[in-house]
Amino acid sequence: MKTGIIIHSSTGNTLSVAERVAAACRAHGSDVRVERVTAMDESPQARSVTLRDIPDVSDCDVVLLGAPVWGFSLSTVMAQYLSQIPSLSGKKVGCFVTQKLPRPWLGGNRAIAQMKRLCADKGAQVSATGIVNWSNRERESLIADVTERMSGLAGGR
């Protein structure tokens, strides 16, 4: 399976999770690429951004999306990316977010709901989600759980 892991990462936390997911997907035999969405005017306070990089997922069977939580919501950069891509129809889709705060109800749940809604607008049904709370004592366990859920999509589960 061809898997695209498309992320927005401003501090490197989301990227580090994506790299672990990519390694697990490769272990399942998937052809994986990790690509970053970036903006020219990236700021957590920005309501609108101009994207610099818009990864193409048209050739992917599986699309895994990762982003940070900004201000209790999905990062503006990932939201903009999802609003601009043409379609996710017919693809297996998974979404994960990373957040500084220790509990999912402090923005993570809302960010996942936003991602799912934006993916649905592009014809996709999200099959797996996950939240990594960076300041949670169980962070490593949360990363392992997200890794298993996301790589499971690439492994045919």
N, C-alpha and C. Protein backbone atom coordinates (compact mmCIF):
# COMPACT_ATOMS: atom_id res chain seq x y z
N MET A 1 0.83 -1.18 0.00
CA MET A 1 0.00 0.00 0.00
C MET A 1 0.87 1.24 0.00
N LYS A 2 0.41 2.25 -0.68
CA LYS A 2 1.12 3.52 -0.72
C LYS A 2 0.50 4.43 0.34
N THR A 3 1.33 4.85 1.29
CA THR A 3 0.85 5.64 2.42
C THR A 3 1.51 7.00 2.43
N GLY A 4 0.70 8.04 2.51
CA GLY A 4 1.18 9.40 2.67
C GLY A 4 0.89 9.87 4.08
N ILE A 5 1.93 10.26 4.79
CA ILE A 5 1.75 10.84 6.12
C ILE A 5 1.99 12.33 5.95
N ILE A 6 0.92 13.08 6.06
CA ILE A 6 0.97 14.51 5.80
C ILE A 6 0.80 15.23 7.14
N ILE A 7 1.80 16.03 7.48
CA ILE A 7 1.77 16.65 8.80
C ILE A 7 2.06 18.14 8.74
N HIS A 8 1.57 18.82 9.74
CA HIS A 8 2.03 20.17 10.05
C HIS A 8 2.68 20.05 11.41
N SER A 9 3.92 20.52 11.51
CA SER A 9 4.66 20.44 12.78
C SER A 9 5.46 21.71 12.94
N SER A 10 5.17 22.45 13.99
CA SER A 10 5.92 23.69 14.20
C SER A 10 7.02 23.52 15.24
N THR A 11 6.86 22.64 16.21
CA THR A 11 7.88 22.44 17.24
C THR A 11 8.68 21.16 17.04
N GLY A 12 8.21 20.28 16.16
CA GLY A 12 8.87 19.00 15.95
C GLY A 12 8.19 17.85 16.66
N ASN A 13 7.25 18.13 17.56
CA ASN A 13 6.56 17.05 18.27
C ASN A 13 5.72 16.19 17.33
N THR A 14 4.93 16.83 16.48
CA THR A 14 4.10 16.09 15.54
C THR A 14 4.98 15.33 14.55
N LEU A 15 6.07 15.93 14.12
CA LEU A 15 7.01 15.26 13.21
C LEU A 15 7.59 14.01 13.87
N SER A 16 7.95 14.09 15.14
CA SER A 16 8.53 12.92 15.81
C SER A 16 7.53 11.77 15.89
N VAL A 17 6.26 12.08 16.11
CA VAL A 17 5.23 11.03 16.12
C VAL A 17 5.08 10.47 14.71
N ALA A 18 5.05 11.33 13.71
CA ALA A 18 4.90 10.90 12.32
C ALA A 18 6.03 9.97 11.90
N GLU A 19 7.24 10.24 12.35
CA GLU A 19 8.38 9.38 12.01
C GLU A 19 8.22 7.99 12.62
N ARG A 20 7.68 7.92 13.83
CA ARG A 20 7.43 6.62 14.44
C ARG A 20 6.31 5.88 13.72
N VAL A 21 5.28 6.62 13.33
CA VAL A 21 4.20 6.01 12.54
C VAL A 21 4.75 5.49 11.22
N ALA A 22 5.59 6.27 10.56
CA ALA A 22 6.17 5.86 9.27
C ALA A 22 6.97 4.57 9.42
N ALA A 23 7.78 4.48 10.47
CA ALA A 23 8.58 3.27 10.69
C ALA A 23 7.67 2.05 10.89
N ALA A 24 6.60 2.23 11.64
CA ALA A 24 5.66 1.12 11.86
C ALA A 24 4.94 0.75 10.57
N CYS A 25 4.58 1.72 9.75
CA CYS A 25 3.93 1.44 8.47
C CYS A 25 4.86 0.65 7.55
N ARG A 26 6.13 1.05 7.53
CA ARG A 26 7.12 0.33 6.72
C ARG A 26 7.26 -1.11 7.20
N ALA A 27 7.19 -1.30 8.51
CA ALA A 27 7.26 -2.66 9.07
C ALA A 27 6.08 -3.51 8.62
N HIS A 28 4.96 -2.86 8.30
CA HIS A 28 3.78 -3.56 7.78
C HIS A 28 3.88 -3.76 6.26
N GLY A 29 4.98 -3.28 5.65
CA GLY A 29 5.18 -3.46 4.22
C GLY A 29 4.65 -2.34 3.36
N SER A 30 4.27 -1.24 3.96
CA SER A 30 3.73 -0.12 3.21
C SER A 30 4.85 0.75 2.64
N ASP A 31 4.61 1.28 1.45
CA ASP A 31 5.49 2.26 0.82
C ASP A 31 5.07 3.62 1.40
N VAL A 32 5.94 4.24 2.21
CA VAL A 32 5.56 5.42 3.00
C VAL A 32 6.38 6.64 2.62
N ARG A 33 5.69 7.77 2.61
CA ARG A 33 6.39 9.05 2.52
C ARG A 33 5.79 10.00 3.55
N VAL A 34 6.65 10.77 4.20
CA VAL A 34 6.22 11.78 5.16
C VAL A 34 6.46 13.13 4.52
N GLU A 35 5.42 13.95 4.47
CA GLU A 35 5.55 15.29 3.89
C GLU A 35 4.95 16.30 4.84
N ARG A 36 5.59 17.46 4.86
CA ARG A 36 5.14 18.53 5.74
C ARG A 36 4.35 19.59 4.97
N VAL A 37 3.31 20.06 5.61
CA VAL A 37 2.56 21.22 5.12
C VAL A 37 3.16 22.42 5.84
N THR A 38 3.56 23.42 5.07
CA THR A 38 4.12 24.63 5.68
C THR A 38 3.41 25.85 5.12
N ALA A 39 3.49 26.92 5.88
CA ALA A 39 2.87 28.18 5.47
C ALA A 39 3.91 29.29 5.47
N MET A 40 3.68 30.27 4.63
CA MET A 40 4.59 31.41 4.57
C MET A 40 4.45 32.30 5.79
N ASP A 41 3.27 32.34 6.35
CA ASP A 41 2.96 33.24 7.45
C ASP A 41 2.45 32.46 8.66
N GLU A 42 3.21 31.46 9.05
CA GLU A 42 2.78 30.54 10.09
C GLU A 42 2.80 31.19 11.47
N SER A 43 1.65 31.19 12.12
CA SER A 43 1.54 31.73 13.48
C SER A 43 0.30 31.13 14.13
N PRO A 44 0.41 30.72 15.39
CA PRO A 44 -0.76 30.18 16.08
C PRO A 44 -1.92 31.18 16.18
N GLN A 45 -1.62 32.46 16.08
CA GLN A 45 -2.67 33.47 16.16
C GLN A 45 -3.34 33.77 14.81
N ALA A 46 -2.75 33.29 13.73
CA ALA A 46 -3.27 33.59 12.39
C ALA A 46 -4.61 32.90 12.15
N ARG A 47 -5.55 33.64 11.63
CA ARG A 47 -6.85 33.06 11.27
C ARG A 47 -6.85 32.52 9.85
N SER A 48 -5.89 32.99 9.07
CA SER A 48 -5.76 32.56 7.68
C SER A 48 -4.27 32.53 7.35
N VAL A 49 -3.87 31.56 6.54
CA VAL A 49 -2.47 31.43 6.16
C VAL A 49 -2.37 31.15 4.66
N THR A 50 -1.21 31.45 4.11
CA THR A 50 -0.90 31.12 2.73
C THR A 50 0.04 29.93 2.76
N LEU A 51 -0.38 28.83 2.17
CA LEU A 51 0.43 27.62 2.21
C LEU A 51 1.60 27.70 1.23
N ARG A 52 2.74 27.21 1.68
CA ARG A 52 3.94 27.13 0.85
C ARG A 52 4.02 25.75 0.21
N ASP A 53 3.72 24.72 1.00
CA ASP A 53 3.78 23.34 0.52
C ASP A 53 2.42 22.70 0.66
N ILE A 54 1.92 22.12 -0.44
CA ILE A 54 0.63 21.45 -0.44
C ILE A 54 0.85 20.04 -1.00
N PRO A 55 1.18 19.09 -0.13
CA PRO A 55 1.46 17.73 -0.60
C PRO A 55 0.27 17.12 -1.35
N ASP A 56 0.58 16.44 -2.43
CA ASP A 56 -0.42 15.76 -3.26
C ASP A 56 -0.59 14.32 -2.76
N VAL A 57 -1.82 13.93 -2.45
CA VAL A 57 -2.08 12.58 -1.96
C VAL A 57 -2.90 11.75 -2.95
N SER A 58 -3.01 12.24 -4.17
CA SER A 58 -3.86 11.56 -5.15
C SER A 58 -3.39 10.13 -5.44
N ASP A 59 -2.10 9.85 -5.29
CA ASP A 59 -1.59 8.51 -5.58
C ASP A 59 -1.53 7.60 -4.34
N CYS A 60 -2.03 8.08 -3.23
CA CYS A 60 -1.96 7.31 -1.97
C CYS A 60 -3.22 6.47 -1.74
N ASP A 61 -3.02 5.28 -1.20
CA ASP A 61 -4.13 4.43 -0.77
C ASP A 61 -4.57 4.80 0.64
N VAL A 62 -3.57 5.18 1.45
CA VAL A 62 -3.78 5.54 2.84
C VAL A 62 -3.23 6.94 3.06
N VAL A 63 -4.00 7.78 3.75
CA VAL A 63 -3.55 9.13 4.08
C VAL A 63 -3.67 9.28 5.59
N LEU A 64 -2.54 9.57 6.23
CA LEU A 64 -2.50 9.80 7.66
C LEU A 64 -2.14 11.26 7.88
N LEU A 65 -2.96 11.96 8.64
CA LEU A 65 -2.81 13.39 8.83
C LEU A 65 -2.47 13.68 10.28
N GLY A 66 -1.45 14.51 10.49
CA GLY A 66 -1.06 14.88 11.84
C GLY A 66 -0.82 16.36 11.96
N ALA A 67 -1.22 16.92 13.11
CA ALA A 67 -1.08 18.36 13.31
C ALA A 67 -1.10 18.69 14.80
N PRO A 68 -0.57 19.86 15.14
CA PRO A 68 -0.66 20.30 16.53
C PRO A 68 -2.01 20.96 16.81
N VAL A 69 -2.30 21.05 18.09
CA VAL A 69 -3.46 21.81 18.56
C VAL A 69 -2.96 23.22 18.84
N TRP A 70 -3.64 24.18 18.27
CA TRP A 70 -3.32 25.59 18.51
C TRP A 70 -4.54 26.26 19.11
N GLY A 71 -4.42 26.82 20.27
CA GLY A 71 -5.53 27.56 20.88
C GLY A 71 -6.79 26.73 21.00
N PHE A 72 -6.67 25.48 21.44
CA PHE A 72 -7.79 24.56 21.64
C PHE A 72 -8.46 24.13 20.34
N SER A 73 -7.80 24.32 19.20
CA SER A 73 -8.35 23.98 17.88
C SER A 73 -7.25 23.38 17.01
N LEU A 74 -7.67 22.84 15.87
CA LEU A 74 -6.74 22.34 14.86
C LEU A 74 -5.87 23.50 14.37
N SER A 75 -4.60 23.24 14.11
CA SER A 75 -3.73 24.30 13.60
C SER A 75 -4.32 24.87 12.30
N THR A 76 -4.20 26.16 12.17
CA THR A 76 -4.71 26.86 10.99
C THR A 76 -4.08 26.32 9.72
N VAL A 77 -2.81 25.94 9.80
CA VAL A 77 -2.10 25.44 8.62
C VAL A 77 -2.73 24.14 8.12
N MET A 78 -3.00 23.18 9.01
CA MET A 78 -3.61 21.92 8.59
C MET A 78 -5.05 22.15 8.13
N ALA A 79 -5.78 23.02 8.81
CA ALA A 79 -7.15 23.32 8.39
C ALA A 79 -7.16 23.88 6.97
N GLN A 80 -6.23 24.78 6.69
CA GLN A 80 -6.14 25.36 5.35
C GLN A 80 -5.79 24.30 4.31
N TYR A 81 -4.84 23.43 4.65
CA TYR A 81 -4.46 22.34 3.74
C TYR A 81 -5.67 21.48 3.41
N LEU A 82 -6.39 21.05 4.43
CA LEU A 82 -7.54 20.17 4.20
C LEU A 82 -8.65 20.85 3.41
N SER A 83 -8.76 22.15 3.54
CA SER A 83 -9.78 22.86 2.76
C SER A 83 -9.36 23.02 1.30
N GLN A 84 -8.05 22.91 1.00
CA GLN A 84 -7.56 23.13 -0.36
C GLN A 84 -7.36 21.87 -1.19
N ILE A 85 -7.19 20.71 -0.55
CA ILE A 85 -6.93 19.52 -1.35
C ILE A 85 -8.20 19.10 -2.09
N PRO A 86 -8.05 18.48 -3.26
CA PRO A 86 -9.22 18.16 -4.07
C PRO A 86 -10.14 17.08 -3.49
N SER A 87 -9.59 15.93 -3.09
CA SER A 87 -10.46 14.84 -2.65
C SER A 87 -9.68 13.82 -1.82
N LEU A 88 -10.40 13.21 -0.90
CA LEU A 88 -9.86 12.07 -0.15
C LEU A 88 -10.75 10.85 -0.35
N SER A 89 -11.65 10.95 -1.29
CA SER A 89 -12.60 9.87 -1.55
C SER A 89 -11.88 8.59 -1.94
N GLY A 90 -12.32 7.46 -1.36
CA GLY A 90 -11.76 6.17 -1.70
C GLY A 90 -10.45 5.84 -0.98
N LYS A 91 -10.02 6.69 -0.08
CA LYS A 91 -8.77 6.46 0.64
C LYS A 91 -9.06 6.10 2.10
N LYS A 92 -8.18 5.29 2.68
CA LYS A 92 -8.23 5.06 4.12
C LYS A 92 -7.59 6.28 4.76
N VAL A 93 -8.25 6.85 5.75
CA VAL A 93 -7.75 8.08 6.36
C VAL A 93 -7.69 7.93 7.88
N GLY A 94 -6.57 8.39 8.44
CA GLY A 94 -6.39 8.46 9.88
C GLY A 94 -5.92 9.84 10.26
N CYS A 95 -6.29 10.30 11.45
CA CYS A 95 -5.92 11.64 11.92
C CYS A 95 -5.38 11.57 13.34
N PHE A 96 -4.31 12.33 13.58
CA PHE A 96 -3.82 12.45 14.95
C PHE A 96 -3.37 13.88 15.21
N VAL A 97 -3.42 14.26 16.47
CA VAL A 97 -2.96 15.58 16.88
C VAL A 97 -2.03 15.45 18.07
N THR A 98 -1.16 16.44 18.21
CA THR A 98 -0.32 16.56 19.39
C THR A 98 -0.69 17.87 20.07
N GLN A 99 -0.66 17.83 21.39
CA GLN A 99 -0.98 19.05 22.13
C GLN A 99 -0.13 19.13 23.38
N LYS A 100 0.18 20.33 23.78
CA LYS A 100 1.00 20.56 24.97
C LYS A 100 0.25 20.17 26.24
N LEU A 101 -1.01 20.51 26.31
CA LEU A 101 -1.79 20.30 27.53
C LEU A 101 -2.00 18.81 27.81
N PRO A 102 -2.19 18.45 29.08
CA PRO A 102 -2.16 17.03 29.48
C PRO A 102 -3.42 16.21 29.23
N ARG A 103 -4.51 16.82 28.84
CA ARG A 103 -5.76 16.07 28.69
C ARG A 103 -6.42 16.35 27.33
N PRO A 104 -7.03 15.32 26.71
CA PRO A 104 -7.64 15.48 25.39
C PRO A 104 -8.76 16.52 25.34
N TRP A 105 -9.48 16.70 26.42
CA TRP A 105 -10.60 17.65 26.41
C TRP A 105 -10.12 19.10 26.43
N LEU A 106 -8.81 19.32 26.50
CA LEU A 106 -8.25 20.67 26.46
C LEU A 106 -7.82 21.05 25.04
N GLY A 107 -8.62 20.68 24.08
CA GLY A 107 -8.39 21.06 22.68
C GLY A 107 -8.19 19.90 21.73
N GLY A 108 -7.65 18.79 22.21
CA GLY A 108 -7.39 17.65 21.34
C GLY A 108 -8.66 17.06 20.74
N ASN A 109 -9.67 16.87 21.56
CA ASN A 109 -10.93 16.32 21.04
C ASN A 109 -11.54 17.23 19.99
N ARG A 110 -11.50 18.53 20.25
CA ARG A 110 -12.06 19.50 19.30
C ARG A 110 -11.27 19.49 17.98
N ALA A 111 -9.94 19.43 18.08
CA ALA A 111 -9.10 19.42 16.87
C ALA A 111 -9.37 18.17 16.04
N ILE A 112 -9.52 17.02 16.69
CA ILE A 112 -9.84 15.78 15.96
C ILE A 112 -11.20 15.91 15.28
N ALA A 113 -12.18 16.46 15.98
CA ALA A 113 -13.51 16.64 15.38
C ALA A 113 -13.43 17.56 14.16
N GLN A 114 -12.60 18.60 14.25
CA GLN A 114 -12.43 19.50 13.10
C GLN A 114 -11.79 18.77 11.93
N MET A 115 -10.77 17.96 12.20
CA MET A 115 -10.12 17.20 11.13
C MET A 115 -11.10 16.24 10.48
N LYS A 116 -11.87 15.54 11.29
CA LYS A 116 -12.83 14.58 10.75
C LYS A 116 -13.86 15.28 9.86
N ARG A 117 -14.32 16.44 10.28
CA ARG A 117 -15.31 17.19 9.50
C ARG A 117 -14.70 17.66 8.17
N LEU A 118 -13.47 18.17 8.22
CA LEU A 118 -12.81 18.62 6.99
C LEU A 118 -12.53 17.44 6.05
N CYS A 119 -12.18 16.29 6.60
CA CYS A 119 -11.97 15.09 5.77
C CYS A 119 -13.28 14.62 5.15
N ALA A 120 -14.36 14.66 5.92
CA ALA A 120 -15.68 14.28 5.40
C ALA A 120 -16.09 15.19 4.25
N ASP A 121 -15.75 16.48 4.37
CA ASP A 121 -16.04 17.42 3.28
C ASP A 121 -15.32 17.04 2.00
N LYS A 122 -14.23 16.28 2.11
CA LYS A 122 -13.46 15.83 0.95
C LYS A 122 -13.76 14.39 0.58
N GLY A 123 -14.86 13.84 1.13
CA GLY A 123 -15.31 12.51 0.73
C GLY A 123 -14.73 11.36 1.51
N ALA A 124 -14.05 11.63 2.61
CA ALA A 124 -13.40 10.56 3.37
C ALA A 124 -14.15 10.26 4.66
N GLN A 125 -14.05 9.01 5.05
CA GLN A 125 -14.50 8.60 6.37
C GLN A 125 -13.23 8.26 7.15
N VAL A 126 -13.02 8.95 8.26
CA VAL A 126 -11.81 8.74 9.06
C VAL A 126 -11.97 7.44 9.84
N SER A 127 -11.01 6.53 9.67
CA SER A 127 -11.08 5.20 10.30
C SER A 127 -10.34 5.09 11.61
N ALA A 128 -9.40 6.00 11.86
CA ALA A 128 -8.62 5.95 13.11
C ALA A 128 -8.22 7.35 13.51
N THR A 129 -8.23 7.60 14.81
CA THR A 129 -7.80 8.89 15.34
C THR A 129 -6.93 8.67 16.57
N GLY A 130 -6.21 9.70 16.95
CA GLY A 130 -5.41 9.63 18.14
C GLY A 130 -4.95 10.99 18.60
N ILE A 131 -4.72 11.10 19.91
CA ILE A 131 -4.28 12.35 20.52
C ILE A 131 -3.07 12.05 21.40
N VAL A 132 -2.01 12.83 21.21
CA VAL A 132 -0.84 12.73 22.07
C VAL A 132 -0.76 14.00 22.89
N ASN A 133 -0.92 13.86 24.19
CA ASN A 133 -0.82 14.99 25.12
C ASN A 133 0.62 15.06 25.61
N TRP A 134 1.36 16.06 25.11
CA TRP A 134 2.80 16.10 25.29
C TRP A 134 3.21 16.21 26.75
N SER A 135 2.45 16.88 27.59
CA SER A 135 2.85 17.02 28.99
C SER A 135 2.22 15.96 29.90
N ASN A 136 1.58 14.97 29.32
CA ASN A 136 1.01 13.87 30.08
C ASN A 136 2.11 12.88 30.46
N ARG A 137 2.08 12.38 31.68
CA ARG A 137 3.10 11.42 32.14
C ARG A 137 3.10 10.16 31.29
N GLU A 138 1.98 9.86 30.66
CA GLU A 138 1.83 8.66 29.84
C GLU A 138 2.11 8.92 28.36
N ARG A 139 2.86 9.97 28.06
CA ARG A 139 3.10 10.37 26.67
C ARG A 139 3.61 9.22 25.80
N GLU A 140 4.58 8.48 26.27
CA GLU A 140 5.13 7.38 25.47
C GLU A 140 4.06 6.34 25.14
N SER A 141 3.21 6.06 26.08
CA SER A 141 2.11 5.13 25.85
C SER A 141 1.12 5.70 24.82
N LEU A 142 0.85 6.99 24.91
CA LEU A 142 -0.05 7.64 23.95
C LEU A 142 0.54 7.60 22.54
N ILE A 143 1.84 7.84 22.43
CA ILE A 143 2.50 7.78 21.12
C ILE A 143 2.43 6.36 20.57
N ALA A 144 2.68 5.37 21.42
CA ALA A 144 2.60 3.97 20.98
C ALA A 144 1.20 3.62 20.49
N ASP A 145 0.18 4.13 21.18
CA ASP A 145 -1.20 3.87 20.78
C ASP A 145 -1.50 4.51 19.42
N VAL A 146 -1.10 5.76 19.24
CA VAL A 146 -1.32 6.44 17.96
C VAL A 146 -0.57 5.71 16.85
N THR A 147 0.65 5.30 17.12
CA THR A 147 1.45 4.59 16.14
C THR A 147 0.76 3.30 15.71
N GLU A 148 0.25 2.56 16.67
CA GLU A 148 -0.45 1.30 16.35
C GLU A 148 -1.71 1.55 15.54
N ARG A 149 -2.50 2.53 15.95
CA ARG A 149 -3.75 2.84 15.22
C ARG A 149 -3.49 3.27 13.78
N MET A 150 -2.55 4.20 13.62
CA MET A 150 -2.28 4.72 12.28
C MET A 150 -1.63 3.68 11.39
N SER A 151 -0.64 2.96 11.91
CA SER A 151 0.03 1.94 11.08
C SER A 151 -0.89 0.78 10.77
N GLY A 152 -1.88 0.56 11.59
CA GLY A 152 -2.87 -0.49 11.31
C GLY A 152 -3.62 -0.23 10.03
N LEU A 153 -3.86 1.03 9.71
CA LEU A 153 -4.53 1.37 8.45
C LEU A 153 -3.63 1.02 7.27
N ALA A 154 -2.35 1.29 7.41
CA ALA A 154 -1.40 1.00 6.32
C ALA A 154 -1.14 -0.49 6.19
N GLY A 155 -1.38 -1.22 7.26
CA GLY A 155 -1.14 -2.66 7.25
C GLY A 155 -2.35 -3.45 6.79
N GLY A 156 -3.40 -2.78 6.38
CA GLY A 156 -4.57 -3.47 5.84
C GLY A 156 -5.64 -3.79 6.84
N ARG A 157 -5.46 -3.38 8.09
CA ARG A 157 -6.49 -3.64 9.10
C ARG A 157 -7.62 -2.67 9.01
